[in-house]
Amino acid sequence: WDHSRFWFWSDLGLGLAGLVAVHWRRRFPVT
C-alpha cells in the first residue's frame, strides 16, 4: 500500500479470483 498500489490491488484481485475459483475445485480439481 505504501510503495506499490498496483501490486496491492493486483494481489487482492488475484486472491478474490482464487476465492471464487475454489468453488469449482471438485469439478475441475487439477485446473
PDB file of all heavy atoms in Angstrom:
ATOM      1  N   TRP A   1       0.832  -1.218   0.000  1.00  0.00           N
ATOM      2  CA  TRP A   1       0.000   0.000   0.000  1.00  0.00           C
ATOM      3  C   TRP A   1       0.860   1.258   0.000  1.00  0.00           C
ATOM      4  O   TRP A   1       0.529   2.254  -0.665  1.00  0.00           O
ATOM      5  CB  TRP A   1      -0.916  -0.025   1.224  1.00  0.00           C
ATOM      6  CG  TRP A   1      -1.837   1.162   1.294  1.00  0.00           C
ATOM      7  CD1 TRP A   1      -1.657   2.285   2.029  1.00  0.00           C
ATOM      8  CD2 TRP A   1      -3.060   1.319   0.586  1.00  0.00           C
ATOM      9  NE1 TRP A   1      -2.686   3.161   1.835  1.00  0.00           N
ATOM     10  CE2 TRP A   1      -3.593   2.584   0.941  1.00  0.00           C
ATOM     11  CE3 TRP A   1      -3.763   0.536  -0.324  1.00  0.00           C
ATOM     12  CZ2 TRP A   1      -4.783   3.071   0.433  1.00  0.00           C
ATOM     13  CZ3 TRP A   1      -4.954   1.023  -0.824  1.00  0.00           C
ATOM     14  CH2 TRP A   1      -5.462   2.264  -0.451  1.00  0.00           C
ATOM     15  N   ASP A   2       1.988   1.166   0.691  1.00  0.00           N
ATOM     16  CA  ASP A   2       2.856   2.345   0.780  1.00  0.00           C
ATOM     17  C   ASP A   2       3.764   2.489  -0.427  1.00  0.00           C
ATOM     18  O   ASP A   2       4.105   3.634  -0.808  1.00  0.00           O
ATOM     19  CB  ASP A   2       3.711   2.273   2.049  1.00  0.00           C
ATOM     20  CG  ASP A   2       2.865   2.369   3.305  1.00  0.00           C
ATOM     21  OD1 ASP A   2       1.758   2.970   3.233  1.00  0.00           O
ATOM     22  OD2 ASP A   2       3.284   1.828   4.348  1.00  0.00           O
ATOM     23  N   HIS A   3       4.163   1.421  -1.058  1.00  0.00           N
ATOM     24  CA  HIS A   3       5.189   1.501  -2.097  1.00  0.00           C
ATOM     25  C   HIS A   3       4.687   1.096  -3.476  1.00  0.00           C
ATOM     26  O   HIS A   3       5.278   1.510  -4.492  1.00  0.00           O
ATOM     27  CB  HIS A   3       6.386   0.609  -1.728  1.00  0.00           C
ATOM     28  CG  HIS A   3       7.079   1.002  -0.473  1.00  0.00           C
ATOM     29  ND1 HIS A   3       6.654   0.600   0.778  1.00  0.00           N
ATOM     30  CD2 HIS A   3       8.175   1.799  -0.266  1.00  0.00           C
ATOM     31  CE1 HIS A   3       7.450   1.107   1.699  1.00  0.00           C
ATOM     32  NE2 HIS A   3       8.384   1.860   1.098  1.00  0.00           N
ATOM     33  N   SER A   4       3.666   0.241  -3.570  1.00  0.00           N
ATOM     34  CA  SER A   4       3.206  -0.208  -4.899  1.00  0.00           C
ATOM     35  C   SER A   4       1.708  -0.514  -4.831  1.00  0.00           C
ATOM     36  O   SER A   4       1.298  -1.646  -4.548  1.00  0.00           O
ATOM     37  CB  SER A   4       4.001  -1.449  -5.343  1.00  0.00           C
ATOM     38  OG  SER A   4       3.530  -1.908  -6.596  1.00  0.00           O
ATOM     39  N   ARG A   5       0.920   0.530  -5.097  1.00  0.00           N
ATOM     40  CA  ARG A   5      -0.532   0.332  -5.045  1.00  0.00           C
ATOM     41  C   ARG A   5      -1.009  -0.654  -6.115  1.00  0.00           C
ATOM     42  O   ARG A   5      -1.958  -1.405  -5.909  1.00  0.00           O
ATOM     43  CB  ARG A   5      -1.241   1.682  -5.241  1.00  0.00           C
ATOM     44  CG  ARG A   5      -0.993   2.691  -4.155  1.00  0.00           C
ATOM     45  CD  ARG A   5      -1.707   2.256  -2.876  1.00  0.00           C
ATOM     46  NE  ARG A   5      -1.470   3.207  -1.802  1.00  0.00           N
ATOM     47  CZ  ARG A   5      -2.230   4.274  -1.558  1.00  0.00           C
ATOM     48  NH1 ARG A   5      -3.274   4.528  -2.340  1.00  0.00           N
ATOM     49  NH2 ARG A   5      -1.949   5.079  -0.559  1.00  0.00           N
ATOM     50  N   PHE A   6      -0.321  -0.664  -7.257  1.00  0.00           N
ATOM     51  CA  PHE A   6      -0.703  -1.584  -8.326  1.00  0.00           C
ATOM     52  C   PHE A   6      -0.557  -3.030  -7.865  1.00  0.00           C
ATOM     53  O   PHE A   6      -1.419  -3.876  -8.117  1.00  0.00           O
ATOM     54  CB  PHE A   6       0.146  -1.340  -9.580  1.00  0.00           C
ATOM     55  CG  PHE A   6      -0.122  -2.331 -10.679  1.00  0.00           C
ATOM     56  CD1 PHE A   6      -1.263  -2.219 -11.471  1.00  0.00           C
ATOM     57  CD2 PHE A   6       0.757  -3.392 -10.910  1.00  0.00           C
ATOM     58  CE1 PHE A   6      -1.511  -3.132 -12.482  1.00  0.00           C
ATOM     59  CE2 PHE A   6       0.500  -4.305 -11.915  1.00  0.00           C
ATOM     60  CZ  PHE A   6      -0.627  -4.179 -12.704  1.00  0.00           C
ATOM     61  N   TRP A   7       0.559  -3.328  -7.197  1.00  0.00           N
ATOM     62  CA  TRP A   7       0.769  -4.680  -6.683  1.00  0.00           C
ATOM     63  C   TRP A   7      -0.293  -5.013  -5.628  1.00  0.00           C
ATOM     64  O   TRP A   7      -0.796  -6.136  -5.577  1.00  0.00           O
ATOM     65  CB  TRP A   7       2.186  -4.770  -6.104  1.00  0.00           C
ATOM     66  CG  TRP A   7       2.593  -6.173  -5.736  1.00  0.00           C
ATOM     67  CD1 TRP A   7       1.931  -7.310  -6.005  1.00  0.00           C
ATOM     68  CD2 TRP A   7       3.765  -6.552  -5.037  1.00  0.00           C
ATOM     69  NE1 TRP A   7       2.602  -8.404  -5.516  1.00  0.00           N
ATOM     70  CE2 TRP A   7       3.745  -7.954  -4.913  1.00  0.00           C
ATOM     71  CE3 TRP A   7       4.861  -5.823  -4.505  1.00  0.00           C
ATOM     72  CZ2 TRP A   7       4.758  -8.671  -4.266  1.00  0.00           C
ATOM     73  CZ3 TRP A   7       5.862  -6.543  -3.871  1.00  0.00           C
ATOM     74  CH2 TRP A   7       5.815  -7.963  -3.745  1.00  0.00           C
ATOM     75  N   PHE A   8      -0.635  -4.024  -4.805  1.00  0.00           N
ATOM     76  CA  PHE A   8      -1.641  -4.253  -3.766  1.00  0.00           C
ATOM     77  C   PHE A   8      -2.965  -4.688  -4.386  1.00  0.00           C
ATOM     78  O   PHE A   8      -3.565  -5.697  -3.995  1.00  0.00           O
ATOM     79  CB  PHE A   8      -1.828  -2.986  -2.940  1.00  0.00           C
ATOM     80  CG  PHE A   8      -2.916  -3.097  -1.896  1.00  0.00           C
ATOM     81  CD1 PHE A   8      -2.639  -3.581  -0.632  1.00  0.00           C
ATOM     82  CD2 PHE A   8      -4.231  -2.715  -2.193  1.00  0.00           C
ATOM     83  CE1 PHE A   8      -3.641  -3.673   0.329  1.00  0.00           C
ATOM     84  CE2 PHE A   8      -5.222  -2.807  -1.244  1.00  0.00           C
ATOM     85  CZ  PHE A   8      -4.943  -3.295   0.024  1.00  0.00           C
ATOM     86  N   TRP A   9      -3.427  -3.876  -5.363  1.00  0.00           N
ATOM     87  CA  TRP A   9      -4.718  -4.211  -5.971  1.00  0.00           C
ATOM     88  C   TRP A   9      -4.637  -5.473  -6.821  1.00  0.00           C
ATOM     89  O   TRP A   9      -5.614  -6.241  -6.883  1.00  0.00           O
ATOM     90  CB  TRP A   9      -5.224  -3.037  -6.801  1.00  0.00           C
ATOM     91  CG  TRP A   9      -5.566  -1.835  -5.968  1.00  0.00           C
ATOM     92  CD1 TRP A   9      -4.933  -0.622  -5.960  1.00  0.00           C
ATOM     93  CD2 TRP A   9      -6.626  -1.750  -5.017  1.00  0.00           C
ATOM     94  NE1 TRP A   9      -5.514   0.237  -5.066  1.00  0.00           N
ATOM     95  CE2 TRP A   9      -6.572  -0.436  -4.460  1.00  0.00           C
ATOM     96  CE3 TRP A   9      -7.599  -2.617  -4.558  1.00  0.00           C
ATOM     97  CZ2 TRP A   9      -7.463   0.011  -3.487  1.00  0.00           C
ATOM     98  CZ3 TRP A   9      -8.487  -2.165  -3.602  1.00  0.00           C
ATOM     99  CH2 TRP A   9      -8.423  -0.896  -3.068  1.00  0.00           C
ATOM    100  N   SER A  10      -3.511  -5.686  -7.461  1.00  0.00           N
ATOM    101  CA  SER A  10      -3.343  -6.921  -8.242  1.00  0.00           C
ATOM    102  C   SER A  10      -3.356  -8.143  -7.317  1.00  0.00           C
ATOM    103  O   SER A  10      -3.984  -9.167  -7.617  1.00  0.00           O
ATOM    104  CB  SER A  10      -2.036  -6.881  -9.034  1.00  0.00           C
ATOM    105  OG  SER A  10      -2.029  -5.808  -9.935  1.00  0.00           O
ATOM    106  N   ASP A  11      -2.633  -8.014  -6.201  1.00  0.00           N
ATOM    107  CA  ASP A  11      -2.613  -9.114  -5.223  1.00  0.00           C
ATOM    108  C   ASP A  11      -4.017  -9.399  -4.710  1.00  0.00           C
ATOM    109  O   ASP A  11      -4.474 -10.549  -4.643  1.00  0.00           O
ATOM    110  CB  ASP A  11      -1.681  -8.736  -4.072  1.00  0.00           C
ATOM    111  CG  ASP A  11      -1.309  -9.937  -3.219  1.00  0.00           C
ATOM    112  OD1 ASP A  11      -2.186 -10.804  -2.996  1.00  0.00           O
ATOM    113  OD2 ASP A  11      -0.154 -10.022  -2.775  1.00  0.00           O
ATOM    114  N   LEU A  12      -4.730  -8.346  -4.351  1.00  0.00           N
ATOM    115  CA  LEU A  12      -6.092  -8.514  -3.838  1.00  0.00           C
ATOM    116  C   LEU A  12      -7.014  -9.112  -4.903  1.00  0.00           C
ATOM    117  O   LEU A  12      -7.837  -9.995  -4.611  1.00  0.00           O
ATOM    118  CB  LEU A  12      -6.628  -7.165  -3.373  1.00  0.00           C
ATOM    119  CG  LEU A  12      -8.064  -7.171  -2.819  1.00  0.00           C
ATOM    120  CD1 LEU A  12      -8.176  -8.097  -1.612  1.00  0.00           C
ATOM    121  CD2 LEU A  12      -8.495  -5.749  -2.459  1.00  0.00           C
ATOM    122  N   GLY A  13      -6.871  -8.632  -6.157  1.00  0.00           N
ATOM    123  CA  GLY A  13      -7.721  -9.158  -7.237  1.00  0.00           C
ATOM    124  C   GLY A  13      -7.488 -10.638  -7.484  1.00  0.00           C
ATOM    125  O   GLY A  13      -8.435 -11.419  -7.668  1.00  0.00           O
ATOM    126  N   LEU A  14      -6.188 -11.034  -7.525  1.00  0.00           N
ATOM    127  CA  LEU A  14      -5.898 -12.460  -7.727  1.00  0.00           C
ATOM    128  C   LEU A  14      -6.403 -13.305  -6.570  1.00  0.00           C
ATOM    129  O   LEU A  14      -6.882 -14.422  -6.754  1.00  0.00           O
ATOM    130  CB  LEU A  14      -4.388 -12.651  -7.905  1.00  0.00           C
ATOM    131  CG  LEU A  14      -3.793 -12.116  -9.216  1.00  0.00           C
ATOM    132  CD1 LEU A  14      -2.270 -12.231  -9.195  1.00  0.00           C
ATOM    133  CD2 LEU A  14      -4.366 -12.882 -10.407  1.00  0.00           C
ATOM    134  N   GLY A  15      -6.320 -12.773  -5.347  1.00  0.00           N
ATOM    135  CA  GLY A  15      -6.827 -13.516  -4.185  1.00  0.00           C
ATOM    136  C   GLY A  15      -8.331 -13.722  -4.253  1.00  0.00           C
ATOM    137  O   GLY A  15      -8.843 -14.816  -3.973  1.00  0.00           O
ATOM    138  N   LEU A  16      -9.058 -12.636  -4.650  1.00  0.00           N
ATOM    139  CA  LEU A  16     -10.510 -12.766  -4.775  1.00  0.00           C
ATOM    140  C   LEU A  16     -10.890 -13.716  -5.912  1.00  0.00           C
ATOM    141  O   LEU A  16     -11.853 -14.493  -5.797  1.00  0.00           O
ATOM    142  CB  LEU A  16     -11.133 -11.388  -5.009  1.00  0.00           C
ATOM    143  CG  LEU A  16     -11.042 -10.411  -3.820  1.00  0.00           C
ATOM    144  CD1 LEU A  16     -11.604  -9.042  -4.223  1.00  0.00           C
ATOM    145  CD2 LEU A  16     -11.777 -10.965  -2.612  1.00  0.00           C
ATOM    146  N   ALA A  17     -10.150 -13.648  -7.021  1.00  0.00           N
ATOM    147  CA  ALA A  17     -10.415 -14.567  -8.131  1.00  0.00           C
ATOM    148  C   ALA A  17     -10.192 -16.025  -7.706  1.00  0.00           C
ATOM    149  O   ALA A  17     -10.963 -16.925  -8.058  1.00  0.00           O
ATOM    150  CB  ALA A  17      -9.528 -14.212  -9.323  1.00  0.00           C
ATOM    151  N   GLY A  18      -9.108 -16.247  -6.934  1.00  0.00           N
ATOM    152  CA  GLY A  18      -8.858 -17.599  -6.430  1.00  0.00           C
ATOM    153  C   GLY A  18      -9.946 -18.058  -5.474  1.00  0.00           C
ATOM    154  O   GLY A  18     -10.339 -19.238  -5.471  1.00  0.00           O
ATOM    155  N   LEU A  19     -10.464 -17.114  -4.659  1.00  0.00           N
ATOM    156  CA  LEU A  19     -11.536 -17.450  -3.723  1.00  0.00           C
ATOM    157  C   LEU A  19     -12.792 -17.885  -4.473  1.00  0.00           C
ATOM    158  O   LEU A  19     -13.513 -18.792  -4.024  1.00  0.00           O
ATOM    159  CB  LEU A  19     -11.836 -16.236  -2.845  1.00  0.00           C
ATOM    160  CG  LEU A  19     -12.774 -16.466  -1.648  1.00  0.00           C
ATOM    161  CD1 LEU A  19     -12.151 -17.436  -0.662  1.00  0.00           C
ATOM    162  CD2 LEU A  19     -13.088 -15.141  -0.961  1.00  0.00           C
ATOM    163  N   VAL A  20     -13.056 -17.243  -5.613  1.00  0.00           N
ATOM    164  CA  VAL A  20     -14.202 -17.649  -6.441  1.00  0.00           C
ATOM    165  C   VAL A  20     -13.920 -18.968  -7.152  1.00  0.00           C
ATOM    166  O   VAL A  20     -14.789 -19.835  -7.263  1.00  0.00           O
ATOM    167  CB  VAL A  20     -14.534 -16.539  -7.454  1.00  0.00           C
ATOM    168  CG1 VAL A  20     -15.624 -16.996  -8.416  1.00  0.00           C
ATOM    169  CG2 VAL A  20     -14.965 -15.267  -6.739  1.00  0.00           C
ATOM    170  N   ALA A  21     -12.673 -19.126  -7.624  1.00  0.00           N
ATOM    171  CA  ALA A  21     -12.340 -20.324  -8.405  1.00  0.00           C
ATOM    172  C   ALA A  21     -12.435 -21.609  -7.595  1.00  0.00           C
ATOM    173  O   ALA A  21     -12.788 -22.665  -8.131  1.00  0.00           O
ATOM    174  CB  ALA A  21     -10.937 -20.178  -8.992  1.00  0.00           C
ATOM    175  N   VAL A  22     -12.109 -21.538  -6.284  1.00  0.00           N
ATOM    176  CA  VAL A  22     -12.129 -22.779  -5.498  1.00  0.00           C
ATOM    177  C   VAL A  22     -13.541 -23.339  -5.348  1.00  0.00           C
ATOM    178  O   VAL A  22     -13.712 -24.481  -4.897  1.00  0.00           O
ATOM    179  CB  VAL A  22     -11.513 -22.546  -4.091  1.00  0.00           C
ATOM    180  CG1 VAL A  22     -10.030 -22.262  -4.191  1.00  0.00           C
ATOM    181  CG2 VAL A  22     -12.239 -21.427  -3.350  1.00  0.00           C
ATOM    182  N   HIS A  23     -14.545 -22.553  -5.737  1.00  0.00           N
ATOM    183  CA  HIS A  23     -15.904 -23.094  -5.709  1.00  0.00           C
ATOM    184  C   HIS A  23     -16.037 -24.266  -6.673  1.00  0.00           C
ATOM    185  O   HIS A  23     -16.860 -25.159  -6.471  1.00  0.00           O
ATOM    186  CB  HIS A  23     -16.898 -21.989  -6.073  1.00  0.00           C
ATOM    187  CG  HIS A  23     -18.320 -22.460  -6.111  1.00  0.00           C
ATOM    188  ND1 HIS A  23     -19.044 -22.767  -4.968  1.00  0.00           N
ATOM    189  CD2 HIS A  23     -19.153 -22.691  -7.162  1.00  0.00           C
ATOM    190  CE1 HIS A  23     -20.255 -23.167  -5.311  1.00  0.00           C
ATOM    191  NE2 HIS A  23     -20.354 -23.119  -6.640  1.00  0.00           N
ATOM    192  N   TRP A  24     -15.239 -24.291  -7.767  1.00  0.00           N
ATOM    193  CA  TRP A  24     -15.278 -25.367  -8.764  1.00  0.00           C
ATOM    194  C   TRP A  24     -14.111 -26.335  -8.607  1.00  0.00           C
ATOM    195  O   TRP A  24     -13.748 -27.026  -9.559  1.00  0.00           O
ATOM    196  CB  TRP A  24     -15.253 -24.758 -10.165  1.00  0.00           C
ATOM    197  CG  TRP A  24     -16.525 -24.030 -10.510  1.00  0.00           C
ATOM    198  CD1 TRP A  24     -17.692 -24.580 -10.954  1.00  0.00           C
ATOM    199  CD2 TRP A  24     -16.753 -22.630 -10.442  1.00  0.00           C
ATOM    200  NE1 TRP A  24     -18.637 -23.604 -11.160  1.00  0.00           N
ATOM    201  CE2 TRP A  24     -18.089 -22.387 -10.856  1.00  0.00           C
ATOM    202  CE3 TRP A  24     -15.976 -21.533 -10.057  1.00  0.00           C
ATOM    203  CZ2 TRP A  24     -18.658 -21.125 -10.896  1.00  0.00           C
ATOM    204  CZ3 TRP A  24     -16.542 -20.274 -10.096  1.00  0.00           C
ATOM    205  CH2 TRP A  24     -17.858 -20.072 -10.512  1.00  0.00           C
ATOM    206  N   ARG A  25     -13.523 -26.388  -7.421  1.00  0.00           N
ATOM    207  CA  ARG A  25     -12.348 -27.247  -7.224  1.00  0.00           C
ATOM    208  C   ARG A  25     -12.680 -28.740  -7.364  1.00  0.00           C
ATOM    209  O   ARG A  25     -11.785 -29.545  -7.673  1.00  0.00           O
ATOM    210  CB  ARG A  25     -11.742 -26.986  -5.836  1.00  0.00           C
ATOM    211  CG  ARG A  25     -12.652 -27.384  -4.677  1.00  0.00           C
ATOM    212  CD  ARG A  25     -12.097 -26.910  -3.345  1.00  0.00           C
ATOM    213  NE  ARG A  25     -12.939 -27.287  -2.213  1.00  0.00           N
ATOM    214  CZ  ARG A  25     -14.016 -26.644  -1.834  1.00  0.00           C
ATOM    215  NH1 ARG A  25     -14.386 -25.551  -2.500  1.00  0.00           N
ATOM    216  NH2 ARG A  25     -14.724 -27.059  -0.799  1.00  0.00           N
ATOM    217  N   ARG A  26     -13.918 -29.130  -7.118  1.00  0.00           N
ATOM    218  CA  ARG A  26     -14.281 -30.540  -7.279  1.00  0.00           C
ATOM    219  C   ARG A  26     -14.558 -30.889  -8.735  1.00  0.00           C
ATOM    220  O   ARG A  26     -14.273 -32.011  -9.157  1.00  0.00           O
ATOM    221  CB  ARG A  26     -15.527 -30.861  -6.440  1.00  0.00           C
ATOM    222  CG  ARG A  26     -15.263 -30.865  -4.943  1.00  0.00           C
ATOM    223  CD  ARG A  26     -16.487 -31.327  -4.202  1.00  0.00           C
ATOM    224  NE  ARG A  26     -16.195 -31.615  -2.809  1.00  0.00           N
ATOM    225  CZ  ARG A  26     -17.048 -32.201  -1.985  1.00  0.00           C
ATOM    226  NH1 ARG A  26     -18.250 -32.539  -2.419  1.00  0.00           N
ATOM    227  NH2 ARG A  26     -16.716 -32.423  -0.735  1.00  0.00           N
ATOM    228  N   ARG A  27     -15.106 -29.960  -9.459  1.00  0.00           N
ATOM    229  CA  ARG A  27     -15.410 -30.214 -10.864  1.00  0.00           C
ATOM    230  C   ARG A  27     -14.166 -30.165 -11.739  1.00  0.00           C
ATOM    231  O   ARG A  27     -14.017 -30.971 -12.665  1.00  0.00           O
ATOM    232  CB  ARG A  27     -16.437 -29.189 -11.337  1.00  0.00           C
ATOM    233  CG  ARG A  27     -17.025 -29.486 -12.696  1.00  0.00           C
ATOM    234  CD  ARG A  27     -18.167 -28.542 -13.011  1.00  0.00           C
ATOM    235  NE  ARG A  27     -18.771 -28.826 -14.296  1.00  0.00           N
ATOM    236  CZ  ARG A  27     -19.789 -28.143 -14.806  1.00  0.00           C
ATOM    237  NH1 ARG A  27     -20.303 -27.120 -14.126  1.00  0.00           N
ATOM    238  NH2 ARG A  27     -20.292 -28.454 -15.983  1.00  0.00           N
ATOM    239  N   PHE A  28     -13.264 -29.215 -11.441  1.00  0.00           N
ATOM    240  CA  PHE A  28     -12.009 -29.101 -12.190  1.00  0.00           C
ATOM    241  C   PHE A  28     -10.857 -29.065 -11.193  1.00  0.00           C
ATOM    242  O   PHE A  28     -10.230 -28.011 -10.994  1.00  0.00           O
ATOM    243  CB  PHE A  28     -12.005 -27.830 -13.054  1.00  0.00           C
ATOM    244  CG  PHE A  28     -13.223 -27.692 -13.932  1.00  0.00           C
ATOM    245  CD1 PHE A  28     -14.241 -26.809 -13.588  1.00  0.00           C
ATOM    246  CD2 PHE A  28     -13.356 -28.446 -15.085  1.00  0.00           C
ATOM    247  CE1 PHE A  28     -15.357 -26.664 -14.380  1.00  0.00           C
ATOM    248  CE2 PHE A  28     -14.478 -28.304 -15.898  1.00  0.00           C
ATOM    249  CZ  PHE A  28     -15.495 -27.424 -15.543  1.00  0.00           C
ATOM    250  N   PRO A  29     -10.533 -30.171 -10.540  1.00  0.00           N
ATOM    251  CA  PRO A  29      -9.559 -30.135  -9.431  1.00  0.00           C
ATOM    252  C   PRO A  29      -8.160 -29.732  -9.866  1.00  0.00           C
ATOM    253  O   PRO A  29      -7.519 -28.899  -9.212  1.00  0.00           O
ATOM    254  CB  PRO A  29      -9.598 -31.572  -8.895  1.00  0.00           C
ATOM    255  CG  PRO A  29     -10.125 -32.402 -10.019  1.00  0.00           C
ATOM    256  CD  PRO A  29     -11.073 -31.537 -10.772  1.00  0.00           C
ATOM    257  N   VAL A  30      -7.680 -30.309 -10.954  1.00  0.00           N
ATOM    258  CA  VAL A  30      -6.306 -30.013 -11.383  1.00  0.00           C
ATOM    259  C   VAL A  30      -6.209 -28.575 -11.888  1.00  0.00           C
ATOM    260  O   VAL A  30      -5.263 -27.829 -11.543  1.00  0.00           O
ATOM    261  CB  VAL A  30      -5.863 -31.008 -12.475  1.00  0.00           C
ATOM    262  CG1 VAL A  30      -4.452 -30.663 -12.973  1.00  0.00           C
ATOM    263  CG2 VAL A  30      -5.902 -32.436 -11.939  1.00  0.00           C
ATOM    264  N   THR A  31      -7.156 -28.137 -12.688  1.00  0.00           N
ATOM    265  CA  THR A  31      -7.114 -26.786 -13.260  1.00  0.00           C
ATOM    266  C   THR A  31      -7.157 -25.719 -12.168  1.00  0.00           C
ATOM    267  O   THR A  31      -6.357 -24.764 -12.167  1.00  0.00           O
ATOM    268  CB  THR A  31      -8.300 -26.591 -14.217  1.00  0.00           C
ATOM    269  OG1 THR A  31      -8.239 -27.586 -15.243  1.00  0.00           O
ATOM    270  CG2 THR A  31      -8.268 -25.209 -14.842  1.00  0.00           C
TER     271      THR A  31
END
